[in-house]
Amino acid sequence: MRQRLLHFATLLFLVSPALQAQARPQCPAAPKPFAAMRGCFRPLLVFSATRNAALLHGQIALLDGDADDMMDRFVLYTPVASSAGRLSTPLDAPYTILNAQQMTEIRARYHVPASQFTVVLLDEDGRVMLRSSNPVNPARLNALIDRTPERRAEMLRPHANQDLLIRFRAIRP
């Protein structure tokens, strides 16, 4: 009886909708409303005073160096700049660009002054996992994410991100 209960609990854990939410076919490849990221991605909000700030470009370079890890962990680079204009994007790491109103709202929600560089990693449920005033190495992001129960469940589903990866690359300019 105890063994059956253990098997049932394991099965329930693996098929729980909250744990299976990541990389669902319904998840947009590049969500535009910030709310569309919930349950699908771990947004990496990178706040910058200007779109050409050195720290912003440094964070992009770090992400490009580990683009596969970012995709495997459903990390979505989301720049939040104070100045208007075209934002630099990673060459290969997943990203989305929000409109100016959403950037203003996100900056207020996370209490980041317009002149400040800040990196905020959110879990797929919107919980703040990391806040840093410097660019963050993907190895540090990976370590934080890999400790979560959601990520452990994802690792049991190899290639869970393949559909999302194909759709993301199809919409890239």
C-alpha atoms as a PDB file:
ATOM      1  CA  MET A   1       0.000   0.000   0.000  1.00  0.00           C
ATOM      2  CA  ARG A   2       2.774   2.428   0.914  1.00  0.00           C
ATOM      3  CA  GLN A   3       4.523   1.753  -2.413  1.00  0.00           C
ATOM      4  CA  ARG A   4       1.293   2.458  -4.347  1.00  0.00           C
ATOM      5  CA  LEU A   5       0.853   5.710  -2.474  1.00  0.00           C
ATOM      6  CA  LEU A   6       4.427   6.688  -3.293  1.00  0.00           C
ATOM      7  CA  HIS A   7       3.881   5.913  -6.995  1.00  0.00           C
ATOM      8  CA  PHE A   8       0.638   7.904  -6.991  1.00  0.00           C
ATOM      9  CA  ALA A   9       2.309  10.886  -5.307  1.00  0.00           C
ATOM     10  CA  THR A  10       5.153  10.786  -7.835  1.00  0.00           C
ATOM     11  CA  LEU A  11       2.714  10.618 -10.739  1.00  0.00           C
ATOM     12  CA  LEU A  12       0.662  13.483  -9.317  1.00  0.00           C
ATOM     13  CA  PHE A  13       3.835  15.560  -8.941  1.00  0.00           C
ATOM     14  CA  LEU A  14       4.854  14.951 -12.550  1.00  0.00           C
ATOM     15  CA  VAL A  15       1.495  15.759 -14.115  1.00  0.00           C
ATOM     16  CA  SER A  16       0.571  18.697 -11.927  1.00  0.00           C
ATOM     17  CA  PRO A  17      -0.672  21.524 -14.202  1.00  0.00           C
ATOM     18  CA  ALA A  18       1.480  24.091 -12.423  1.00  0.00           C
ATOM     19  CA  LEU A  19       4.581  22.062 -13.155  1.00  0.00           C
ATOM     20  CA  GLN A  20       3.609  21.289 -16.738  1.00  0.00           C
ATOM     21  CA  ALA A  21       2.757  24.906 -17.584  1.00  0.00           C
ATOM     22  CA  GLN A  22       6.135  25.637 -19.102  1.00  0.00           C
ATOM     23  CA  ALA A  23       6.543  25.362 -22.876  1.00  0.00           C
ATOM     24  CA  ARG A  24       2.904  24.541 -23.478  1.00  0.00           C
ATOM     25  CA  PRO A  25       1.814  24.873 -27.071  1.00  0.00           C
ATOM     26  CA  GLN A  26      -0.345  27.825 -25.919  1.00  0.00           C
ATOM     27  CA  CYS A  27       2.701  29.772 -24.731  1.00  0.00           C
ATOM     28  CA  PRO A  28       3.609  32.597 -27.107  1.00  0.00           C
ATOM     29  CA  ALA A  29       7.126  32.415 -28.520  1.00  0.00           C
ATOM     30  CA  ALA A  30       7.710  36.120 -27.822  1.00  0.00           C
ATOM     31  CA  PRO A  31       5.001  37.403 -25.477  1.00  0.00           C
ATOM     32  CA  LYS A  32       4.274  41.103 -25.783  1.00  0.00           C
ATOM     33  CA  PRO A  33       2.062  41.697 -22.792  1.00  0.00           C
ATOM     34  CA  PHE A  34       4.082  41.055 -19.679  1.00  0.00           C
ATOM     35  CA  ALA A  35       1.205  39.008 -18.239  1.00  0.00           C
ATOM     36  CA  ALA A  36       1.585  36.474 -21.098  1.00  0.00           C
ATOM     37  CA  MET A  37       4.923  35.377 -19.632  1.00  0.00           C
ATOM     38  CA  ARG A  38       3.356  33.988 -16.464  1.00  0.00           C
ATOM     39  CA  GLY A  39       3.331  30.209 -16.411  1.00  0.00           C
ATOM     40  CA  CYS A  40       5.464  30.047 -19.563  1.00  0.00           C
ATOM     41  CA  PHE A  41       8.750  31.861 -18.930  1.00  0.00           C
ATOM     42  CA  ARG A  42      11.131  33.111 -16.309  1.00  0.00           C
ATOM     43  CA  PRO A  43      11.490  36.775 -17.293  1.00  0.00           C
ATOM     44  CA  LEU A  44      14.920  38.298 -16.879  1.00  0.00           C
ATOM     45  CA  LEU A  45      14.087  41.985 -16.511  1.00  0.00           C
ATOM     46  CA  VAL A  46      17.114  44.130 -17.293  1.00  0.00           C
ATOM     47  CA  PHE A  47      16.506  47.753 -16.337  1.00  0.00           C
ATOM     48  CA  SER A  48      18.740  50.402 -17.859  1.00  0.00           C
ATOM     49  CA  ALA A  49      18.767  54.190 -17.956  1.00  0.00           C
ATOM     50  CA  THR A  50      19.556  54.188 -21.667  1.00  0.00           C
ATOM     51  CA  ARG A  51      19.274  51.700 -24.480  1.00  0.00           C
ATOM     52  CA  ASN A  52      23.016  51.933 -25.158  1.00  0.00           C
ATOM     53  CA  ALA A  53      24.340  51.530 -21.609  1.00  0.00           C
ATOM     54  CA  ALA A  54      27.493  49.459 -21.255  1.00  0.00           C
ATOM     55  CA  LEU A  55      26.011  47.337 -18.456  1.00  0.00           C
ATOM     56  CA  LEU A  56      23.013  46.503 -20.662  1.00  0.00           C
ATOM     57  CA  HIS A  57      25.300  45.387 -23.490  1.00  0.00           C
ATOM     58  CA  GLY A  58      27.379  43.419 -21.002  1.00  0.00           C
ATOM     59  CA  GLN A  59      24.298  41.501 -19.860  1.00  0.00           C
ATOM     60  CA  ILE A  60      23.334  40.768 -23.479  1.00  0.00           C
ATOM     61  CA  ALA A  61      26.819  39.397 -24.191  1.00  0.00           C
ATOM     62  CA  LEU A  62      26.643  37.115 -21.158  1.00  0.00           C
ATOM     63  CA  LEU A  63      23.259  35.766 -22.245  1.00  0.00           C
ATOM     64  CA  ASP A  64      24.394  35.136 -25.813  1.00  0.00           C
ATOM     65  CA  GLY A  65      27.290  33.101 -24.471  1.00  0.00           C
ATOM     66  CA  ASP A  66      24.821  30.679 -22.873  1.00  0.00           C
ATOM     67  CA  ALA A  67      21.776  31.002 -25.128  1.00  0.00           C
ATOM     68  CA  ASP A  68      21.049  27.265 -25.032  1.00  0.00           C
ATOM     69  CA  ASP A  69      20.961  27.281 -21.226  1.00  0.00           C
ATOM     70  CA  MET A  70      18.613  30.251 -21.274  1.00  0.00           C
ATOM     71  CA  MET A  71      16.251  28.456 -23.651  1.00  0.00           C
ATOM     72  CA  ASP A  72      16.425  25.213 -21.653  1.00  0.00           C
ATOM     73  CA  ARG A  73      15.360  27.110 -18.542  1.00  0.00           C
ATOM     74  CA  PHE A  74      12.734  29.231 -20.299  1.00  0.00           C
ATOM     75  CA  VAL A  75      14.547  32.465 -19.379  1.00  0.00           C
ATOM     76  CA  LEU A  76      13.276  35.361 -21.476  1.00  0.00           C
ATOM     77  CA  TYR A  77      15.469  38.463 -21.663  1.00  0.00           C
ATOM     78  CA  THR A  78      13.187  41.479 -21.271  1.00  0.00           C
ATOM     79  CA  PRO A  79      14.942  44.863 -21.437  1.00  0.00           C
ATOM     80  CA  VAL A  80      13.365  47.830 -19.683  1.00  0.00           C
ATOM     81  CA  ALA A  81      15.015  51.075 -20.809  1.00  0.00           C
ATOM     82  CA  SER A  82      14.115  54.601 -19.821  1.00  0.00           C
ATOM     83  CA  SER A  83      15.093  56.156 -23.116  1.00  0.00           C
ATOM     84  CA  ALA A  84      13.091  55.669 -26.277  1.00  0.00           C
ATOM     85  CA  GLY A  85      14.449  54.020 -29.372  1.00  0.00           C
ATOM     86  CA  ARG A  86      15.424  50.628 -30.655  1.00  0.00           C
ATOM     87  CA  LEU A  87      16.818  48.319 -27.998  1.00  0.00           C
ATOM     88  CA  SER A  88      19.727  45.992 -28.601  1.00  0.00           C
ATOM     89  CA  THR A  89      18.764  42.340 -28.507  1.00  0.00           C
ATOM     90  CA  PRO A  90      20.752  39.148 -28.075  1.00  0.00           C
ATOM     91  CA  LEU A  91      21.839  37.339 -31.205  1.00  0.00           C
ATOM     92  CA  ASP A  92      20.636  33.933 -30.055  1.00  0.00           C
ATOM     93  CA  ALA A  93      19.185  34.104 -26.537  1.00  0.00           C
ATOM     94  CA  PRO A  94      15.372  34.321 -26.274  1.00  0.00           C
ATOM     95  CA  TYR A  95      13.995  37.813 -25.767  1.00  0.00           C
ATOM     96  CA  THR A  96      10.947  40.019 -26.071  1.00  0.00           C
ATOM     97  CA  ILE A  97      10.550  43.782 -26.353  1.00  0.00           C
ATOM     98  CA  LEU A  98       7.655  45.397 -24.515  1.00  0.00           C
ATOM     99  CA  ASN A  99       6.020  48.687 -25.381  1.00  0.00           C
ATOM    100  CA  ALA A 100       6.929  51.916 -23.556  1.00  0.00           C
ATOM    101  CA  GLN A 101       3.831  51.853 -21.332  1.00  0.00           C
ATOM    102  CA  GLN A 102       4.546  48.317 -20.144  1.00  0.00           C
ATOM    103  CA  MET A 103       8.176  49.238 -19.448  1.00  0.00           C
ATOM    104  CA  THR A 104       7.021  52.162 -17.314  1.00  0.00           C
ATOM    105  CA  GLU A 105       4.584  49.929 -15.416  1.00  0.00           C
ATOM    106  CA  ILE A 106       7.208  47.239 -14.816  1.00  0.00           C
ATOM    107  CA  ARG A 107       9.741  49.816 -13.622  1.00  0.00           C
ATOM    108  CA  ALA A 108       7.174  51.083 -11.088  1.00  0.00           C
ATOM    109  CA  ARG A 109       6.115  47.576 -10.008  1.00  0.00           C
ATOM    110  CA  TYR A 110       9.692  46.565  -9.201  1.00  0.00           C
ATOM    111  CA  HIS A 111      10.670  49.990  -7.798  1.00  0.00           C
ATOM    112  CA  VAL A 112      13.613  50.625 -10.119  1.00  0.00           C
ATOM    113  CA  PRO A 113      14.523  54.302 -10.644  1.00  0.00           C
ATOM    114  CA  ALA A 114      14.897  55.431 -14.256  1.00  0.00           C
ATOM    115  CA  SER A 115      18.620  56.122 -13.769  1.00  0.00           C
ATOM    116  CA  GLN A 116      19.471  52.723 -12.274  1.00  0.00           C
ATOM    117  CA  PHE A 117      20.765  49.499 -13.823  1.00  0.00           C
ATOM    118  CA  THR A 118      19.099  46.472 -12.224  1.00  0.00           C
ATOM    119  CA  VAL A 119      18.651  42.832 -13.180  1.00  0.00           C
ATOM    120  CA  VAL A 120      15.595  41.026 -11.802  1.00  0.00           C
ATOM    121  CA  LEU A 121      14.982  37.335 -12.443  1.00  0.00           C
ATOM    122  CA  LEU A 122      11.407  36.212 -11.943  1.00  0.00           C
ATOM    123  CA  ASP A 123      10.210  32.656 -11.598  1.00  0.00           C
ATOM    124  CA  GLU A 124       7.408  31.546 -13.900  1.00  0.00           C
ATOM    125  CA  ASP A 125       4.902  32.404 -11.163  1.00  0.00           C
ATOM    126  CA  GLY A 126       6.173  35.997 -10.962  1.00  0.00           C
ATOM    127  CA  ARG A 127       8.177  35.557  -7.742  1.00  0.00           C
ATOM    128  CA  VAL A 128      11.470  37.520  -7.598  1.00  0.00           C
ATOM    129  CA  MET A 129      14.319  35.011  -7.554  1.00  0.00           C
ATOM    130  CA  LEU A 130      17.218  37.454  -7.926  1.00  0.00           C
ATOM    131  CA  ARG A 131      17.859  41.168  -7.870  1.00  0.00           C
ATOM    132  CA  SER A 132      21.284  42.556  -8.808  1.00  0.00           C
ATOM    133  CA  SER A 133      22.783  45.943  -9.601  1.00  0.00           C
ATOM    134  CA  ASN A 134      25.340  44.314 -11.938  1.00  0.00           C
ATOM    135  CA  PRO A 135      25.091  42.032 -14.973  1.00  0.00           C
ATOM    136  CA  VAL A 136      24.456  38.452 -13.895  1.00  0.00           C
ATOM    137  CA  ASN A 137      26.403  35.493 -15.210  1.00  0.00           C
ATOM    138  CA  PRO A 138      24.139  32.772 -16.655  1.00  0.00           C
ATOM    139  CA  ALA A 139      25.842  30.191 -14.410  1.00  0.00           C
ATOM    140  CA  ARG A 140      24.398  32.041 -11.411  1.00  0.00           C
ATOM    141  CA  LEU A 141      20.962  32.168 -13.066  1.00  0.00           C
ATOM    142  CA  ASN A 142      21.153  28.453 -13.856  1.00  0.00           C
ATOM    143  CA  ALA A 143      22.084  27.567 -10.277  1.00  0.00           C
ATOM    144  CA  LEU A 144      19.147  29.550  -8.875  1.00  0.00           C
ATOM    145  CA  ILE A 145      16.665  28.106 -11.346  1.00  0.00           C
ATOM    146  CA  ASP A 146      17.935  24.523 -11.020  1.00  0.00           C
ATOM    147  CA  ARG A 147      17.181  24.525  -7.288  1.00  0.00           C
ATOM    148  CA  THR A 148      13.456  25.066  -7.855  1.00  0.00           C
ATOM    149  CA  PRO A 149      10.986  22.146  -7.834  1.00  0.00           C
ATOM    150  CA  GLU A 150       9.556  23.366 -11.140  1.00  0.00           C
ATOM    151  CA  ARG A 151      12.937  23.093 -12.843  1.00  0.00           C
ATOM    152  CA  ARG A 152      13.536  19.632 -11.410  1.00  0.00           C
ATOM    153  CA  ALA A 153      10.243  18.540 -12.969  1.00  0.00           C
ATOM    154  CA  GLU A 154      11.257  20.152 -16.287  1.00  0.00           C
ATOM    155  CA  MET A 155      14.486  18.161 -16.294  1.00  0.00           C
ATOM    156  CA  LEU A 156      12.407  14.975 -16.244  1.00  0.00           C
ATOM    157  CA  ARG A 157      10.839  16.071 -19.541  1.00  0.00           C
ATOM    158  CA  PRO A 158      13.771  16.179 -21.978  1.00  0.00           C
ATOM    159  CA  HIS A 159      13.305  18.362 -25.046  1.00  0.00           C
ATOM    160  CA  ALA A 160      10.278  20.101 -23.519  1.00  0.00           C
ATOM    161  CA  ASN A 161      11.383  23.355 -25.109  1.00  0.00           C
ATOM    162  CA  GLN A 162      11.788  22.116 -28.693  1.00  0.00           C
ATOM    163  CA  ASP A 163       8.406  23.389 -29.907  1.00  0.00           C
ATOM    164  CA  LEU A 164       8.987  26.744 -28.239  1.00  0.00           C
ATOM    165  CA  LEU A 165      12.501  26.976 -29.689  1.00  0.00           C
ATOM    166  CA  ILE A 166      11.233  26.284 -33.227  1.00  0.00           C
ATOM    167  CA  ARG A 167       8.473  28.910 -32.894  1.00  0.00           C
ATOM    168  CA  PHE A 168      10.854  31.464 -31.359  1.00  0.00           C
ATOM    169  CA  ARG A 169      13.414  31.102 -34.150  1.00  0.00           C
ATOM    170  CA  ALA A 170      10.660  31.334 -36.787  1.00  0.00           C
ATOM    171  CA  ILE A 171       9.624  34.824 -35.627  1.00  0.00           C
ATOM    172  CA  ARG A 172      13.145  36.253 -35.273  1.00  0.00           C
ATOM    173  CA  PRO A 173      13.873  39.041 -37.753  1.00  0.00           C
END
